[in-house]
N, C-alpha and C. Protein backbone atom coordinates (compact mmCIF):
# COMPACT_ATOMS: atom_id res chain seq x y z
N MET A 1 0.92 6.03 -13.08
CA MET A 1 2.29 6.03 -12.61
C MET A 1 3.27 5.98 -13.77
N ALA A 2 2.93 6.59 -14.83
CA ALA A 2 3.81 6.63 -15.99
C ALA A 2 5.13 7.28 -15.61
N GLY A 3 6.18 6.79 -16.19
CA GLY A 3 7.48 7.37 -15.91
C GLY A 3 8.15 6.82 -14.67
N ARG A 4 7.67 5.70 -14.15
CA ARG A 4 8.28 5.10 -12.97
C ARG A 4 9.72 4.72 -13.31
N THR A 5 10.64 5.00 -12.40
CA THR A 5 12.04 4.69 -12.65
C THR A 5 12.61 3.66 -11.68
N ILE A 6 11.93 3.42 -10.55
CA ILE A 6 12.42 2.44 -9.58
C ILE A 6 11.27 1.60 -9.06
N LEU A 7 11.62 0.43 -8.55
CA LEU A 7 10.69 -0.37 -7.75
C LEU A 7 11.10 -0.11 -6.31
N GLN A 8 10.17 0.39 -5.54
CA GLN A 8 10.52 0.93 -4.23
C GLN A 8 10.43 -0.09 -3.10
N PHE A 9 11.38 0.04 -2.19
CA PHE A 9 11.31 -0.68 -0.92
C PHE A 9 10.29 0.02 -0.05
N SER A 10 9.70 -0.72 0.86
CA SER A 10 8.87 -0.09 1.89
C SER A 10 9.77 0.74 2.79
N LYS A 11 9.26 1.86 3.24
CA LYS A 11 10.03 2.74 4.11
C LYS A 11 10.50 2.00 5.37
N ASP A 12 9.65 1.11 5.87
CA ASP A 12 9.99 0.36 7.09
C ASP A 12 11.01 -0.75 6.86
N SER A 13 11.30 -1.07 5.62
CA SER A 13 12.16 -2.22 5.33
C SER A 13 13.51 -1.88 4.71
N VAL A 14 13.80 -0.62 4.52
CA VAL A 14 15.06 -0.22 3.87
C VAL A 14 16.26 -0.83 4.59
N ASP A 15 16.30 -0.73 5.91
CA ASP A 15 17.43 -1.27 6.67
C ASP A 15 17.52 -2.79 6.54
N THR A 16 16.38 -3.46 6.47
CA THR A 16 16.37 -4.91 6.34
C THR A 16 16.93 -5.33 4.98
N TYR A 17 16.58 -4.60 3.92
CA TYR A 17 17.14 -4.90 2.60
C TYR A 17 18.67 -4.77 2.65
N LYS A 18 19.16 -3.72 3.28
CA LYS A 18 20.61 -3.51 3.37
C LYS A 18 21.25 -4.65 4.15
N GLN A 19 20.65 -5.00 5.28
CA GLN A 19 21.17 -6.07 6.12
C GLN A 19 21.16 -7.40 5.38
N LEU A 20 20.10 -7.69 4.65
CA LEU A 20 20.01 -8.94 3.89
C LEU A 20 21.09 -8.98 2.82
N GLY A 21 21.25 -7.90 2.09
CA GLY A 21 22.28 -7.85 1.06
C GLY A 21 23.67 -8.10 1.62
N GLU A 22 23.95 -7.50 2.77
CA GLU A 22 25.25 -7.68 3.41
C GLU A 22 25.43 -9.11 3.90
N SER A 23 24.38 -9.68 4.50
CA SER A 23 24.51 -11.02 5.07
C SER A 23 24.65 -12.08 3.98
N LEU A 24 24.24 -11.77 2.77
CA LEU A 24 24.35 -12.73 1.66
C LEU A 24 25.51 -12.39 0.73
N GLY A 25 26.47 -11.63 1.23
CA GLY A 25 27.70 -11.42 0.47
C GLY A 25 27.78 -10.14 -0.33
N GLY A 26 27.02 -9.12 0.04
CA GLY A 26 27.12 -7.84 -0.65
C GLY A 26 26.30 -7.76 -1.92
N LEU A 27 25.08 -8.25 -1.87
CA LEU A 27 24.21 -8.21 -3.05
C LEU A 27 23.74 -6.79 -3.34
N THR A 28 23.38 -6.55 -4.59
CA THR A 28 22.86 -5.24 -5.00
C THR A 28 21.40 -5.10 -4.58
N ASN A 29 20.90 -3.87 -4.64
CA ASN A 29 19.47 -3.63 -4.36
C ASN A 29 18.59 -4.48 -5.27
N LEU A 30 18.96 -4.58 -6.54
CA LEU A 30 18.20 -5.37 -7.49
C LEU A 30 18.16 -6.84 -7.08
N GLU A 31 19.30 -7.40 -6.74
CA GLU A 31 19.36 -8.81 -6.36
C GLU A 31 18.55 -9.07 -5.09
N VAL A 32 18.68 -8.19 -4.12
CA VAL A 32 17.94 -8.37 -2.87
C VAL A 32 16.44 -8.21 -3.11
N PHE A 33 16.06 -7.27 -3.95
CA PHE A 33 14.64 -7.07 -4.28
C PHE A 33 14.06 -8.33 -4.91
N LEU A 34 14.78 -8.91 -5.88
CA LEU A 34 14.28 -10.11 -6.55
C LEU A 34 14.18 -11.29 -5.59
N ILE A 35 15.13 -11.42 -4.68
CA ILE A 35 15.07 -12.48 -3.68
C ILE A 35 13.85 -12.28 -2.79
N ALA A 36 13.64 -11.06 -2.32
CA ALA A 36 12.51 -10.78 -1.44
C ALA A 36 11.18 -11.00 -2.18
N MET A 37 11.11 -10.56 -3.42
CA MET A 37 9.88 -10.74 -4.20
C MET A 37 9.59 -12.23 -4.38
N ALA A 38 10.60 -12.99 -4.76
CA ALA A 38 10.42 -14.42 -4.98
C ALA A 38 10.03 -15.13 -3.68
N TRP A 39 10.63 -14.70 -2.58
CA TRP A 39 10.33 -15.30 -1.28
C TRP A 39 8.88 -14.99 -0.87
N GLY A 40 8.47 -13.78 -1.08
CA GLY A 40 7.08 -13.42 -0.78
C GLY A 40 6.11 -14.20 -1.65
N PHE A 41 6.42 -14.31 -2.94
CA PHE A 41 5.56 -15.06 -3.86
C PHE A 41 5.50 -16.53 -3.47
N ARG A 42 6.66 -17.13 -3.21
CA ARG A 42 6.71 -18.55 -2.85
C ARG A 42 5.88 -18.85 -1.61
N ASN A 43 5.88 -17.91 -0.67
CA ASN A 43 5.17 -18.10 0.59
C ASN A 43 3.76 -17.51 0.58
N GLY A 44 3.37 -16.93 -0.54
CA GLY A 44 2.02 -16.36 -0.65
C GLY A 44 1.78 -15.15 0.22
N ILE A 45 2.84 -14.38 0.47
CA ILE A 45 2.75 -13.20 1.34
C ILE A 45 2.91 -11.95 0.49
N ARG A 46 1.87 -11.17 0.48
CA ARG A 46 1.84 -9.95 -0.34
C ARG A 46 1.34 -8.80 0.53
N ALA A 47 2.20 -7.82 0.80
CA ALA A 47 1.84 -6.67 1.63
C ALA A 47 1.16 -5.63 0.75
N GLU A 48 -0.12 -5.45 0.94
CA GLU A 48 -0.89 -4.55 0.06
C GLU A 48 -0.71 -3.07 0.40
N LYS A 49 -0.51 -2.77 1.67
CA LYS A 49 -0.35 -1.37 2.06
C LYS A 49 1.11 -1.14 2.42
N VAL A 50 1.79 -0.43 1.56
CA VAL A 50 3.22 -0.20 1.72
C VAL A 50 3.49 1.29 1.64
N VAL A 51 4.21 1.81 2.64
CA VAL A 51 4.66 3.21 2.59
C VAL A 51 5.99 3.20 1.86
N LYS A 52 6.01 3.78 0.68
CA LYS A 52 7.19 3.70 -0.17
C LYS A 52 8.29 4.64 0.30
N SER A 53 9.52 4.24 0.00
CA SER A 53 10.70 4.93 0.53
C SER A 53 11.44 5.79 -0.48
N ASN A 54 11.09 5.70 -1.75
CA ASN A 54 11.86 6.33 -2.83
C ASN A 54 13.25 5.74 -2.92
N THR A 55 13.41 4.51 -2.41
CA THR A 55 14.65 3.77 -2.47
C THR A 55 14.34 2.38 -3.00
N GLY A 56 15.19 1.88 -3.87
CA GLY A 56 15.00 0.53 -4.41
C GLY A 56 15.76 0.40 -5.71
N PRO A 57 15.61 -0.75 -6.35
CA PRO A 57 16.35 -0.96 -7.60
C PRO A 57 15.78 -0.13 -8.74
N ARG A 58 16.66 0.46 -9.49
CA ARG A 58 16.28 1.26 -10.65
C ARG A 58 15.90 0.31 -11.79
N LEU A 59 14.81 0.63 -12.45
CA LEU A 59 14.32 -0.22 -13.54
C LEU A 59 15.35 -0.35 -14.67
N GLU A 60 16.17 0.66 -14.87
CA GLU A 60 17.16 0.61 -15.95
C GLU A 60 18.21 -0.48 -15.71
N TYR A 61 18.34 -0.96 -14.46
CA TYR A 61 19.32 -2.00 -14.16
C TYR A 61 18.75 -3.41 -14.32
N PHE A 62 17.44 -3.53 -14.52
CA PHE A 62 16.84 -4.85 -14.71
C PHE A 62 17.22 -5.38 -16.09
N LYS A 63 17.73 -6.58 -16.12
CA LYS A 63 17.98 -7.26 -17.38
C LYS A 63 16.66 -7.86 -17.86
N ASP A 64 16.64 -8.29 -19.10
CA ASP A 64 15.44 -8.95 -19.62
C ASP A 64 15.08 -10.17 -18.77
N SER A 65 16.07 -10.91 -18.32
CA SER A 65 15.81 -12.09 -17.50
C SER A 65 15.21 -11.72 -16.15
N ASP A 66 15.60 -10.58 -15.59
CA ASP A 66 15.02 -10.11 -14.33
C ASP A 66 13.55 -9.75 -14.54
N MET A 67 13.28 -9.03 -15.63
CA MET A 67 11.90 -8.65 -15.92
C MET A 67 11.04 -9.87 -16.23
N ALA A 68 11.65 -10.89 -16.80
CA ALA A 68 10.90 -12.12 -17.08
C ALA A 68 10.45 -12.77 -15.77
N ILE A 69 11.27 -12.70 -14.75
CA ILE A 69 10.89 -13.23 -13.44
C ILE A 69 9.71 -12.45 -12.88
N VAL A 70 9.79 -11.13 -12.96
CA VAL A 70 8.71 -10.28 -12.46
C VAL A 70 7.42 -10.56 -13.24
N ALA A 71 7.52 -10.69 -14.55
CA ALA A 71 6.36 -10.98 -15.38
C ALA A 71 5.79 -12.36 -15.06
N ALA A 72 6.66 -13.32 -14.79
CA ALA A 72 6.20 -14.67 -14.44
C ALA A 72 5.40 -14.65 -13.14
N VAL A 73 5.84 -13.87 -12.18
CA VAL A 73 5.09 -13.74 -10.93
C VAL A 73 3.71 -13.12 -11.20
N GLN A 74 3.69 -12.11 -12.06
CA GLN A 74 2.42 -11.47 -12.41
C GLN A 74 1.48 -12.48 -13.06
N LEU A 75 1.97 -13.21 -14.03
CA LEU A 75 1.13 -14.17 -14.73
C LEU A 75 0.66 -15.29 -13.80
N ALA A 76 1.55 -15.79 -12.98
CA ALA A 76 1.17 -16.85 -12.05
C ALA A 76 0.14 -16.37 -11.02
N THR A 77 0.22 -15.11 -10.67
CA THR A 77 -0.71 -14.55 -9.68
C THR A 77 -2.07 -14.26 -10.30
N THR A 78 -2.08 -13.72 -11.51
CA THR A 78 -3.35 -13.31 -12.12
C THR A 78 -3.96 -14.40 -12.98
N ASP A 79 -3.13 -15.31 -13.49
CA ASP A 79 -3.57 -16.35 -14.42
C ASP A 79 -4.26 -15.75 -15.64
N ASP A 80 -3.79 -14.55 -16.02
CA ASP A 80 -4.39 -13.82 -17.14
C ASP A 80 -3.29 -13.23 -18.01
N PRO A 81 -3.05 -13.81 -19.18
CA PRO A 81 -1.99 -13.29 -20.05
C PRO A 81 -2.18 -11.80 -20.39
N ASP A 82 -3.42 -11.33 -20.47
CA ASP A 82 -3.66 -9.92 -20.77
C ASP A 82 -3.13 -9.00 -19.67
N SER A 83 -3.00 -9.52 -18.45
CA SER A 83 -2.49 -8.70 -17.35
C SER A 83 -1.06 -8.25 -17.61
N LEU A 84 -0.35 -9.00 -18.44
CA LEU A 84 1.05 -8.66 -18.73
C LEU A 84 1.19 -7.33 -19.45
N LEU A 85 0.10 -6.83 -19.99
CA LEU A 85 0.13 -5.53 -20.67
C LEU A 85 0.14 -4.36 -19.68
N ASP A 86 -0.19 -4.62 -18.42
CA ASP A 86 -0.29 -3.57 -17.40
C ASP A 86 0.99 -3.52 -16.57
N LEU A 87 1.93 -2.70 -17.00
CA LEU A 87 3.21 -2.60 -16.30
C LEU A 87 3.09 -2.03 -14.90
N ASP A 88 2.19 -1.06 -14.71
CA ASP A 88 2.03 -0.50 -13.37
C ASP A 88 1.55 -1.56 -12.40
N ALA A 89 0.60 -2.39 -12.83
CA ALA A 89 0.12 -3.48 -11.97
C ALA A 89 1.26 -4.46 -11.68
N ARG A 90 2.09 -4.73 -12.69
CA ARG A 90 3.24 -5.64 -12.50
C ARG A 90 4.18 -5.09 -11.45
N TYR A 91 4.50 -3.81 -11.57
CA TYR A 91 5.44 -3.20 -10.62
C TYR A 91 4.86 -3.14 -9.22
N ASP A 92 3.58 -2.80 -9.11
CA ASP A 92 2.92 -2.79 -7.79
C ASP A 92 2.96 -4.17 -7.16
N MET A 93 2.64 -5.19 -7.94
CA MET A 93 2.64 -6.56 -7.45
C MET A 93 4.04 -6.96 -7.00
N ALA A 94 5.04 -6.62 -7.77
CA ALA A 94 6.42 -6.94 -7.41
C ALA A 94 6.79 -6.29 -6.07
N GLU A 95 6.43 -5.03 -5.91
CA GLU A 95 6.71 -4.34 -4.64
C GLU A 95 5.98 -4.99 -3.48
N GLN A 96 4.75 -5.39 -3.70
CA GLN A 96 3.96 -6.01 -2.62
C GLN A 96 4.53 -7.37 -2.22
N PHE A 97 4.88 -8.20 -3.19
CA PHE A 97 5.48 -9.49 -2.86
C PHE A 97 6.86 -9.29 -2.23
N ALA A 98 7.63 -8.33 -2.71
CA ALA A 98 8.94 -8.06 -2.13
C ALA A 98 8.81 -7.65 -0.67
N GLU A 99 7.81 -6.83 -0.37
CA GLU A 99 7.60 -6.42 1.03
C GLU A 99 7.19 -7.61 1.88
N GLY A 100 6.30 -8.45 1.36
CA GLY A 100 5.93 -9.66 2.10
C GLY A 100 7.13 -10.55 2.34
N GLY A 101 7.95 -10.71 1.31
CA GLY A 101 9.14 -11.55 1.44
C GLY A 101 10.17 -10.99 2.39
N ILE A 102 10.39 -9.69 2.34
CA ILE A 102 11.42 -9.11 3.20
C ILE A 102 10.98 -9.18 4.67
N ARG A 103 9.69 -9.09 4.92
CA ARG A 103 9.21 -9.24 6.30
C ARG A 103 9.47 -10.65 6.81
N LEU A 104 9.23 -11.65 5.97
CA LEU A 104 9.52 -13.04 6.36
C LEU A 104 11.02 -13.24 6.58
N LEU A 105 11.82 -12.70 5.68
CA LEU A 105 13.26 -12.85 5.81
C LEU A 105 13.81 -12.12 7.03
N LYS A 106 13.23 -10.99 7.35
CA LYS A 106 13.64 -10.26 8.56
C LYS A 106 13.42 -11.13 9.79
N SER A 107 12.29 -11.79 9.83
CA SER A 107 11.98 -12.69 10.95
C SER A 107 13.03 -13.79 11.06
N GLU A 108 13.43 -14.34 9.92
CA GLU A 108 14.46 -15.38 9.92
C GLU A 108 15.82 -14.84 10.35
N MET A 109 16.14 -13.62 9.92
CA MET A 109 17.42 -13.02 10.28
C MET A 109 17.52 -12.73 11.77
N GLU A 110 16.38 -12.53 12.41
CA GLU A 110 16.37 -12.21 13.84
C GLU A 110 16.53 -13.44 14.72
N LYS A 111 16.40 -14.62 14.14
CA LYS A 111 16.58 -15.86 14.90
C LYS A 111 18.05 -16.11 15.12
N GLN A 112 18.34 -16.92 16.16
CA GLN A 112 19.73 -17.28 16.42
C GLN A 112 20.22 -18.21 15.34
N GLY A 113 21.51 -18.15 15.09
CA GLY A 113 22.12 -19.03 14.10
C GLY A 113 22.63 -18.24 12.92
N ASP A 114 23.21 -18.96 12.00
CA ASP A 114 23.81 -18.37 10.81
C ASP A 114 22.74 -18.26 9.72
N PHE A 115 22.24 -17.05 9.52
CA PHE A 115 21.17 -16.84 8.55
C PHE A 115 21.59 -17.26 7.15
N ALA A 116 22.77 -16.86 6.72
CA ALA A 116 23.21 -17.17 5.35
C ALA A 116 23.25 -18.67 5.12
N ARG A 117 23.71 -19.42 6.10
CA ARG A 117 23.76 -20.88 5.97
C ARG A 117 22.35 -21.46 5.89
N MET A 118 21.47 -21.00 6.77
CA MET A 118 20.09 -21.48 6.76
C MET A 118 19.42 -21.15 5.44
N PHE A 119 19.61 -19.93 4.97
CA PHE A 119 18.96 -19.49 3.74
C PHE A 119 19.50 -20.27 2.55
N SER A 120 20.80 -20.50 2.53
CA SER A 120 21.40 -21.28 1.44
C SER A 120 20.82 -22.69 1.40
N ALA A 121 20.64 -23.29 2.57
CA ALA A 121 20.06 -24.64 2.63
C ALA A 121 18.62 -24.62 2.13
N GLU A 122 17.88 -23.59 2.49
CA GLU A 122 16.49 -23.48 2.05
C GLU A 122 16.41 -23.28 0.54
N ILE A 123 17.28 -22.45 0.00
CA ILE A 123 17.30 -22.23 -1.45
C ILE A 123 17.66 -23.52 -2.18
N LYS A 124 18.60 -24.29 -1.63
CA LYS A 124 18.95 -25.57 -2.25
C LYS A 124 17.74 -26.50 -2.25
N THR A 125 16.99 -26.53 -1.18
CA THR A 125 15.79 -27.36 -1.11
C THR A 125 14.78 -26.94 -2.17
N VAL A 126 14.58 -25.64 -2.30
CA VAL A 126 13.65 -25.12 -3.31
C VAL A 126 14.13 -25.49 -4.70
N ALA A 127 15.41 -25.30 -4.95
CA ALA A 127 15.97 -25.64 -6.27
C ALA A 127 15.79 -27.12 -6.56
N ASP A 128 16.02 -27.96 -5.56
CA ASP A 128 15.85 -29.40 -5.75
C ASP A 128 14.39 -29.75 -6.07
N GLU A 129 13.46 -28.99 -5.49
CA GLU A 129 12.04 -29.24 -5.74
C GLU A 129 11.65 -28.89 -7.18
N ILE A 130 12.25 -27.84 -7.73
CA ILE A 130 11.79 -27.37 -9.03
C ILE A 130 12.65 -27.84 -10.20
N LEU A 131 13.85 -28.27 -9.91
CA LEU A 131 14.73 -28.71 -11.00
C LEU A 131 14.53 -30.21 -11.25
N ILE A 132 14.38 -30.54 -12.48
CA ILE A 132 14.28 -31.93 -12.87
C ILE A 132 15.59 -32.29 -13.54
N VAL A 133 16.34 -33.13 -12.88
CA VAL A 133 17.65 -33.51 -13.40
C VAL A 133 17.54 -34.95 -13.89
N PRO A 134 17.74 -35.17 -15.19
CA PRO A 134 17.68 -36.55 -15.68
C PRO A 134 18.81 -37.39 -15.12
N LEU A 135 18.50 -38.62 -14.80
CA LEU A 135 19.53 -39.53 -14.26
C LEU A 135 20.29 -40.22 -15.35
C-alpha cells in the first residue's frame, strides 16, 4: 500500500463520522477519526473487515503529535517496538480501531439524551483516570 494518502472511513460509517463531527462542534475529519480510533482502542473494539470509502483524513494533515497517538496505539496493541517500522500495519490498525470506535459512538448517538453532554462527561472521567495531578 505504498503511497497511501488518507486513512479511510468505512463506507458504512461516513455519515456517522459527519454526524459525530457536527454534534461535537464542527470537528474536522482528522479530529473525528482520532476520537473514533481512541474510543475503539479504549474499548478493545477493532473492526477487521472494513469496506473502505476513499473518504477520511488526509495523512498530510496529521501533525507529529497526531501520528504519535497512532503509533502509541500500534505499540500498545502489538507490544513490539519493531512493529513501529511497518507504517501500513499502523494505518490499517488505526482504521480498524476507528471503525470499532465509530460503531460504538453511533450506538451512543442513537440513544435519547444529549450525546455531546454525555460524551463530554465520559471524556472527563477518562481524563481523570489517566491524569495524575499532584496535590
